[in-house]
Protein backbone atom coordinates (compact mmCIF):
# COMPACT_ATOMS: atom_id res chain seq x y z
CA ASN A 1 14.24 36.18 0.34
CA VAL A 2 11.92 33.27 1.07
CA THR A 3 10.94 34.49 4.54
CA SER A 4 9.74 37.86 3.28
CA MET A 5 7.61 36.42 0.47
CA GLN A 6 3.89 36.71 0.84
CA HIS A 7 2.28 33.27 0.64
CA SER A 8 -1.29 33.58 -0.51
CA PHE A 9 -3.47 32.64 -3.42
CA PRO A 10 -2.83 34.63 -6.59
CA GLU A 11 -5.18 37.55 -7.09
CA GLY A 12 -6.03 39.80 -9.98
CA ASP A 13 -5.12 39.96 -13.63
CA TYR A 14 -2.01 37.90 -14.26
CA ALA A 15 -0.87 40.19 -17.08
CA LYS A 16 -0.73 43.13 -14.63
CA GLU A 17 0.20 41.31 -11.42
CA PHE A 18 2.61 38.64 -12.71
CA LYS A 19 5.54 40.08 -10.74
CA LYS A 20 3.61 39.61 -7.49
CA ILE A 21 2.35 36.10 -8.30
CA SER A 22 4.85 33.37 -7.50
CA SER A 23 4.74 29.79 -8.69
CA GLU A 24 4.40 28.74 -5.03
CA ASP A 25 1.24 30.83 -4.76
CA ILE A 26 -0.15 29.26 -7.93
CA ARG A 27 0.58 25.78 -6.57
CA LYS A 28 -1.05 26.72 -3.28
CA GLY A 29 -4.24 27.51 -5.23
CA ILE A 30 -3.93 24.24 -7.15
CA TYR A 31 -3.53 22.20 -3.96
CA PHE A 32 -6.43 24.11 -2.37
CA CYS A 33 -8.72 23.01 -5.22
CA ASN A 34 -7.31 19.47 -5.07
CA TRP A 35 -8.25 19.29 -1.40
CA LEU A 36 -11.74 20.75 -1.93
CA LEU A 37 -12.51 18.33 -4.75
CA ALA A 38 -11.09 15.33 -2.87
CA LYS A 39 -13.34 16.12 0.09
CA GLU A 40 -16.41 16.33 -2.16
CA SER A 41 -15.96 12.92 -3.81
CA PRO A 42 -13.48 10.76 -1.89
CA ILE A 43 -14.99 7.34 -2.58
CA PHE A 44 -15.37 7.20 -6.36
CA GLY A 45 -13.64 10.34 -7.62
CA TYR A 46 -14.86 12.12 -10.74
CA GLY A 47 -13.64 9.85 -13.51
CA VAL A 48 -10.43 10.14 -15.49
CA GLY A 49 -11.92 12.41 -18.16
CA ASP A 50 -13.65 14.84 -15.80
CA VAL A 51 -10.91 15.75 -13.33
CA GLN A 52 -9.46 18.59 -15.40
CA ASP A 53 -12.91 20.12 -15.93
CA LYS A 54 -13.59 19.95 -12.19
CA LEU A 55 -10.24 21.56 -11.41
CA GLU A 56 -10.83 24.35 -13.90
CA SER A 57 -14.31 24.99 -12.44
CA CYS A 58 -12.81 25.19 -8.96
CA TYR A 59 -10.09 27.59 -10.13
CA LEU A 60 -12.73 29.81 -11.71
CA GLU A 61 -15.17 29.74 -8.77
CA LYS A 62 -12.85 29.69 -5.75
CA LEU A 63 -9.73 31.59 -6.82
CA ASN A 64 -9.68 35.27 -7.74
CA SER A 65 -7.07 35.24 -10.52
CA ASN A 66 -7.16 34.66 -14.24
CA VAL A 67 -3.78 32.90 -14.15
CA TYR A 68 -5.68 29.60 -13.94
CA GLN A 69 -7.59 30.42 -17.12
CA MET A 70 -4.51 31.66 -18.99
CA PHE A 71 -2.64 28.41 -18.39
CA GLN A 72 -4.00 24.91 -17.92
CA TYR A 73 -2.99 23.52 -14.53
CA ASN A 74 -3.52 19.89 -13.61
CA SER A 75 -3.43 18.67 -10.01
CA HIS A 76 0.41 18.75 -9.84
CA ASN A 77 0.29 15.79 -7.45
CA GLN A 78 0.01 12.17 -8.62
CA TYR A 79 -1.67 11.04 -5.41
CA PHE A 80 -4.39 13.69 -5.69
CA GLN A 81 -4.78 12.98 -9.41
CA VAL A 82 -5.45 9.29 -8.78
CA MET A 83 -7.82 10.03 -5.92
CA LEU A 84 -9.71 12.66 -7.92
CA SER A 85 -9.93 10.31 -10.91
CA ALA A 86 -10.96 7.06 -9.24
CA GLY A 87 -11.31 7.58 -5.50
CA ILE A 88 -9.70 6.27 -2.37
CA LEU A 89 -9.47 2.64 -3.50
CA ALA A 90 -7.36 3.63 -6.51
CA LEU A 91 -5.16 5.71 -4.19
CA VAL A 92 -4.67 2.66 -1.98
CA PHE A 93 -3.61 0.60 -5.02
CA LEU A 94 -1.16 3.32 -6.08
CA LEU A 95 0.32 3.44 -2.58
CA LEU A 96 0.64 -0.35 -2.54
CA SER A 97 2.37 -0.25 -5.93
CA ILE A 98 4.96 1.98 -4.30
CA LEU A 99 5.20 0.50 -0.81
CA ILE A 100 5.50 -3.16 -1.87
CA PRO A 101 8.47 -2.52 -4.21
CA LEU A 102 10.08 -0.36 -1.51
CA TYR A 103 9.72 -3.19 1.00
CA VAL A 104 10.94 -5.89 -1.40
CA ALA A 105 13.87 -3.79 -2.62
CA PHE A 106 14.93 -3.05 0.95
CA LYS A 107 14.60 -6.70 1.96
CA GLN A 108 16.67 -7.80 -1.05
CA LYS A 109 19.20 -5.01 -0.40
CA ASN A 110 18.57 -3.77 -3.94
CA TYR A 111 19.33 -0.16 -3.09
CA LEU A 112 19.18 1.08 -6.67
CA TRP A 113 15.59 -0.16 -7.00
CA PHE A 114 14.78 1.19 -3.52
CA SER A 115 16.18 4.64 -4.27
CA ASN A 116 14.49 4.77 -7.69
CA THR A 117 11.11 3.91 -6.18
CA ALA A 118 11.61 6.35 -3.30
CA LEU A 119 12.55 9.11 -5.75
CA ILE A 120 9.45 8.44 -7.83
CA ALA A 121 7.27 8.46 -4.69
CA ILE A 122 8.70 11.86 -3.74
CA CYS A 123 8.29 13.23 -7.28
CA PHE A 124 4.64 12.14 -7.19
CA LEU A 125 4.12 14.85 -4.55
CA THR A 126 4.79 17.65 -7.02
CA GLU A 127 3.97 16.29 -10.48
CA ASN A 128 1.61 13.98 -12.35
CA ILE A 129 4.34 11.70 -13.59
CA ILE A 130 2.19 8.78 -14.71
CA GLY A 131 -0.28 11.14 -16.33
CA ARG A 132 1.96 11.17 -19.41
CA HIS A 133 3.21 8.33 -21.62
CA ASP A 134 6.86 9.00 -20.87
CA GLY A 135 6.13 8.90 -17.13
CA VAL A 136 4.31 5.58 -17.41
CA ILE A 137 7.18 4.12 -19.40
CA PHE A 138 9.75 5.47 -16.95
CA TYR A 139 7.88 4.17 -13.91
CA GLY A 140 7.00 0.77 -15.38
CA LEU A 141 10.20 0.06 -17.26
CA PHE A 142 12.60 1.01 -14.50
CA ASN A 143 10.53 -0.79 -11.87
CA ALA A 144 10.58 -3.95 -13.99
CA ILE A 145 14.28 -3.72 -14.87
CA LEU A 146 15.37 -2.99 -11.32
CA ALA A 147 13.03 -5.59 -9.81
CA PHE A 148 14.74 -8.33 -11.81
CA SER A 149 18.23 -6.89 -11.88
CA ASP A 150 19.65 -9.17 -9.19
CA PHE A 151 19.47 -12.58 -10.88
CA LYS A 152 22.25 -14.03 -8.69
CA ASN A 153 20.06 -13.72 -5.61
CA ASP A 154 17.33 -16.21 -6.41
CA GLN A 155 14.91 -15.50 -3.60
CA THR A 156 11.57 -17.11 -4.11
CA ASN A 157 10.10 -15.96 -0.79
CA ILE A 158 10.59 -12.22 -1.08
CA ILE A 159 7.50 -11.00 0.75
């Protein structure tokens, strides 16, 4: 029952307490560290190669469970990942790369492109999709295919 579940950060030895530690609690700890790190360096971020080290340090220092050392957890949020990597300006560019296609797809009544972009934007809330090659290909390829899928409607002034 969801209402009776205890929602807190995981505590203790995961090998002994794994039945009490839910994936929601683990994610809550992940998002807690995301927020702490984003507040510490919002302008420039930490650099693409240093984000995971910063997250792992936060898990070790701020959370009282070895589950974060047993498994490697990334930010589990594309928006936080971009902000932690390169700061607020990169986050703005990511948001624009989502909002502009949403606007253009809606204006062109290209609902397949619109729904694909909206789905990706929602999935970015829970996963680092473009942190992997297959995610980059999926995002880029489908955006490109769907952006140019309506060749009959030659609209030069789309924005």
